[in-house]
């Protein structure tokens, strides 16, 4: 029996969301936990001072709308941002 192993690489992208309403470290942890639950999300970084959420993810697995919905589920309004 001949088997072949193919190496696959995930194409990741970084999506930046602007969020409103978080005011403490527990808010940041809540957002990171909720958004980070998705398969395909490699990392979530919340920037407290600028209200930015940077998410590195595989867009073929999880889309921007799902990421925005996850932030909303955590209790925060978020929108895609250019920077």
N, C-alpha and C. Protein backbone atom coordinates (compact mmCIF):
# COMPACT_ATOMS: atom_id res chain seq x y z
N UNK A 1 0.84 -1.17 0.00
CA UNK A 1 0.00 0.00 0.00
C UNK A 1 0.89 1.23 0.00
N UNK A 2 0.64 2.14 -0.90
CA UNK A 2 1.42 3.36 -1.03
C UNK A 2 0.61 4.52 -0.45
N UNK A 3 1.20 5.22 0.51
CA UNK A 3 0.51 6.37 1.10
C UNK A 3 1.31 7.63 0.83
N UNK A 4 0.61 8.69 0.63
CA UNK A 4 1.24 9.97 0.38
C UNK A 4 0.74 10.97 1.42
N UNK A 5 1.65 11.69 1.99
CA UNK A 5 1.29 12.73 2.95
C UNK A 5 1.44 14.08 2.27
N UNK A 6 0.38 14.84 2.33
CA UNK A 6 0.44 16.18 1.75
C UNK A 6 0.56 17.19 2.88
N UNK A 7 1.45 18.13 2.69
CA UNK A 7 1.59 19.21 3.66
C UNK A 7 0.64 20.33 3.25
N UNK A 8 -0.18 20.76 4.20
CA UNK A 8 -1.07 21.87 3.92
C UNK A 8 -0.71 23.02 4.85
N UNK A 9 -0.83 24.20 4.34
CA UNK A 9 -0.56 25.38 5.15
C UNK A 9 -1.84 26.20 5.22
N UNK A 10 -2.11 26.71 6.37
CA UNK A 10 -3.27 27.56 6.53
C UNK A 10 -2.92 28.96 6.09
N UNK A 11 -3.78 29.53 5.31
CA UNK A 11 -3.63 30.92 4.93
C UNK A 11 -4.34 31.75 5.98
N UNK A 12 -3.59 32.50 6.74
CA UNK A 12 -4.22 33.31 7.79
C UNK A 12 -4.22 34.78 7.38
N UNK A 13 -5.13 35.49 7.98
CA UNK A 13 -5.23 36.92 7.78
C UNK A 13 -5.44 37.55 9.15
N UNK A 14 -5.19 38.83 9.25
CA UNK A 14 -5.46 39.54 10.49
C UNK A 14 -6.61 40.50 10.25
N UNK A 15 -7.63 40.35 11.04
CA UNK A 15 -8.80 41.23 10.97
C UNK A 15 -8.78 42.13 12.20
N UNK A 16 -9.00 43.41 11.98
CA UNK A 16 -9.06 44.37 13.07
C UNK A 16 -10.50 44.83 13.24
N UNK A 17 -10.98 44.72 14.47
CA UNK A 17 -12.30 45.22 14.82
C UNK A 17 -12.14 46.39 15.78
N UNK A 18 -13.03 47.35 15.68
CA UNK A 18 -13.12 48.42 16.66
C UNK A 18 -14.29 48.08 17.56
N UNK A 19 -14.08 48.12 18.85
CA UNK A 19 -15.12 47.76 19.81
C UNK A 19 -15.42 48.94 20.70
N UNK A 20 -16.58 48.90 21.29
CA UNK A 20 -17.00 49.96 22.20
C UNK A 20 -17.42 49.35 23.53
N UNK A 21 -17.18 50.10 24.58
CA UNK A 21 -17.76 49.75 25.86
C UNK A 21 -16.94 48.96 26.84
N UNK A 22 -15.75 48.48 26.46
CA UNK A 22 -15.01 47.74 27.48
C UNK A 22 -14.16 48.71 28.29
N UNK A 23 -14.09 48.43 29.59
CA UNK A 23 -13.47 49.39 30.49
C UNK A 23 -12.53 48.80 31.53
N UNK A 24 -12.29 47.49 31.46
CA UNK A 24 -11.44 46.88 32.48
C UNK A 24 -10.77 45.62 31.95
N UNK A 25 -9.78 45.11 32.66
CA UNK A 25 -9.09 43.89 32.22
C UNK A 25 -10.01 42.68 32.09
N UNK A 26 -11.03 42.58 32.91
CA UNK A 26 -11.93 41.43 32.79
C UNK A 26 -12.74 41.51 31.49
N UNK A 27 -12.99 42.72 31.01
CA UNK A 27 -13.67 42.90 29.71
C UNK A 27 -12.79 42.34 28.60
N UNK A 28 -11.51 42.63 28.68
CA UNK A 28 -10.56 42.16 27.67
C UNK A 28 -10.53 40.63 27.66
N UNK A 29 -10.45 40.04 28.82
CA UNK A 29 -10.42 38.58 28.92
C UNK A 29 -11.69 37.96 28.37
N UNK A 30 -12.82 38.59 28.62
CA UNK A 30 -14.11 38.10 28.13
C UNK A 30 -14.14 38.09 26.61
N UNK A 31 -13.67 39.17 25.98
CA UNK A 31 -13.64 39.27 24.53
C UNK A 31 -12.68 38.23 23.95
N UNK A 32 -11.47 38.17 24.51
CA UNK A 32 -10.47 37.22 24.01
C UNK A 32 -10.97 35.78 24.10
N UNK A 33 -11.64 35.45 25.18
CA UNK A 33 -12.15 34.09 25.36
C UNK A 33 -13.25 33.78 24.35
N UNK A 34 -14.19 34.68 24.18
CA UNK A 34 -15.33 34.43 23.30
C UNK A 34 -14.90 34.35 21.84
N UNK A 35 -14.07 35.29 21.40
CA UNK A 35 -13.62 35.30 20.00
C UNK A 35 -12.64 34.14 19.75
N UNK A 36 -11.80 33.84 20.71
CA UNK A 36 -10.81 32.79 20.57
C UNK A 36 -11.37 31.38 20.54
N UNK A 37 -12.65 31.21 20.81
CA UNK A 37 -13.26 29.88 20.82
C UNK A 37 -13.42 29.27 19.43
N UNK A 38 -13.40 30.09 18.41
CA UNK A 38 -13.63 29.58 17.06
C UNK A 38 -12.46 28.76 16.56
N UNK A 39 -12.79 27.65 15.92
CA UNK A 39 -11.78 26.89 15.18
C UNK A 39 -11.34 27.80 14.04
N UNK A 40 -10.07 27.89 13.81
CA UNK A 40 -9.55 28.76 12.76
C UNK A 40 -8.98 30.06 13.29
N UNK A 41 -9.24 30.38 14.56
CA UNK A 41 -8.67 31.59 15.17
C UNK A 41 -7.35 31.21 15.81
N UNK A 42 -6.27 31.84 15.34
CA UNK A 42 -4.94 31.55 15.86
C UNK A 42 -4.62 32.41 17.08
N UNK A 43 -5.05 33.68 17.06
CA UNK A 43 -4.77 34.55 18.19
C UNK A 43 -5.75 35.71 18.23
N UNK A 44 -5.96 36.23 19.44
CA UNK A 44 -6.82 37.40 19.66
C UNK A 44 -6.06 38.33 20.59
N UNK A 45 -5.92 39.57 20.17
CA UNK A 45 -5.26 40.57 21.01
C UNK A 45 -6.17 41.78 21.12
N UNK A 46 -6.52 42.16 22.34
CA UNK A 46 -7.36 43.33 22.57
C UNK A 46 -6.45 44.47 23.03
N UNK A 47 -6.55 45.59 22.35
CA UNK A 47 -5.78 46.79 22.69
C UNK A 47 -6.72 47.73 23.44
N UNK A 48 -6.52 47.79 24.74
CA UNK A 48 -7.43 48.51 25.62
C UNK A 48 -7.52 50.00 25.27
N UNK A 49 -6.40 50.67 25.11
CA UNK A 49 -6.38 52.12 24.90
C UNK A 49 -7.05 52.55 23.60
N UNK A 50 -6.94 51.74 22.55
CA UNK A 50 -7.49 52.12 21.25
C UNK A 50 -8.79 51.40 20.91
N UNK A 51 -9.26 50.53 21.80
CA UNK A 51 -10.48 49.75 21.61
C UNK A 51 -10.43 48.91 20.35
N UNK A 52 -9.24 48.39 20.04
CA UNK A 52 -9.06 47.53 18.87
C UNK A 52 -8.96 46.08 19.30
N UNK A 53 -9.51 45.21 18.45
CA UNK A 53 -9.38 43.78 18.63
C UNK A 53 -8.72 43.26 17.36
N UNK A 54 -7.53 42.69 17.49
CA UNK A 54 -6.83 42.12 16.35
C UNK A 54 -6.93 40.60 16.42
N UNK A 55 -7.44 40.02 15.35
CA UNK A 55 -7.67 38.59 15.32
C UNK A 55 -6.94 37.99 14.12
N UNK A 56 -6.05 37.05 14.39
CA UNK A 56 -5.38 36.30 13.32
C UNK A 56 -6.17 35.01 13.15
N UNK A 57 -6.65 34.79 11.91
CA UNK A 57 -7.54 33.65 11.69
C UNK A 57 -7.46 33.18 10.24
N UNK A 58 -8.00 31.99 10.05
CA UNK A 58 -8.11 31.41 8.71
C UNK A 58 -9.48 31.82 8.17
N UNK A 59 -9.52 32.71 7.18
CA UNK A 59 -10.81 33.21 6.69
C UNK A 59 -11.66 32.16 5.99
N UNK A 60 -11.07 31.05 5.61
CA UNK A 60 -11.87 29.99 5.00
C UNK A 60 -12.62 29.17 6.05
N UNK A 61 -12.25 29.37 7.31
CA UNK A 61 -12.88 28.63 8.41
C UNK A 61 -13.82 29.53 9.22
N UNK A 62 -13.38 30.74 9.50
CA UNK A 62 -14.19 31.68 10.29
C UNK A 62 -14.13 33.05 9.63
N UNK A 63 -15.29 33.65 9.41
CA UNK A 63 -15.38 34.93 8.71
C UNK A 63 -15.51 36.11 9.66
N UNK A 64 -15.42 37.29 9.09
CA UNK A 64 -15.49 38.53 9.85
C UNK A 64 -16.84 38.65 10.56
N UNK A 65 -17.92 38.30 9.89
CA UNK A 65 -19.25 38.40 10.52
C UNK A 65 -19.34 37.54 11.77
N UNK A 66 -18.73 36.38 11.74
CA UNK A 66 -18.74 35.50 12.92
C UNK A 66 -17.92 36.10 14.06
N UNK A 67 -16.82 36.77 13.71
CA UNK A 67 -15.98 37.41 14.73
C UNK A 67 -16.71 38.57 15.38
N UNK A 68 -17.41 39.36 14.57
CA UNK A 68 -18.21 40.48 15.09
C UNK A 68 -19.31 39.93 16.00
N UNK A 69 -19.97 38.85 15.58
CA UNK A 69 -21.02 38.23 16.38
C UNK A 69 -20.47 37.70 17.71
N UNK A 70 -19.26 37.19 17.70
CA UNK A 70 -18.65 36.68 18.94
C UNK A 70 -18.40 37.82 19.92
N UNK A 71 -17.92 38.96 19.41
CA UNK A 71 -17.72 40.13 20.28
C UNK A 71 -19.06 40.58 20.85
N UNK A 72 -20.10 40.55 20.03
CA UNK A 72 -21.43 40.93 20.49
C UNK A 72 -21.93 39.97 21.56
N UNK A 73 -21.66 38.68 21.37
CA UNK A 73 -22.07 37.68 22.36
C UNK A 73 -21.36 37.92 23.70
N UNK A 74 -20.14 38.46 23.62
CA UNK A 74 -19.40 38.78 24.84
C UNK A 74 -19.94 40.06 25.50
N UNK A 75 -20.82 40.78 24.75
CA UNK A 75 -21.44 41.98 25.32
C UNK A 75 -20.93 43.29 24.77
N UNK A 76 -20.24 43.26 23.63
CA UNK A 76 -19.63 44.47 23.10
C UNK A 76 -19.94 44.66 21.62
N UNK A 77 -20.20 45.91 21.24
CA UNK A 77 -20.45 46.24 19.85
C UNK A 77 -19.09 46.36 19.16
N UNK A 78 -18.91 45.66 18.05
CA UNK A 78 -17.66 45.70 17.30
C UNK A 78 -17.96 45.83 15.83
N UNK A 79 -17.07 46.51 15.14
CA UNK A 79 -17.19 46.70 13.69
C UNK A 79 -15.83 46.49 13.04
N UNK A 80 -15.82 45.98 11.82
CA UNK A 80 -14.54 45.86 11.10
C UNK A 80 -13.92 47.24 10.92
N UNK A 81 -12.60 47.30 11.01
CA UNK A 81 -11.87 48.56 10.87
C UNK A 81 -10.71 48.36 9.92
N UNK A 82 -10.32 49.43 9.25
CA UNK A 82 -9.19 49.37 8.30
C UNK A 82 -7.86 49.34 9.05
N UNK A 83 -7.81 49.86 10.25
CA UNK A 83 -6.57 49.92 11.03
C UNK A 83 -6.83 49.78 12.50
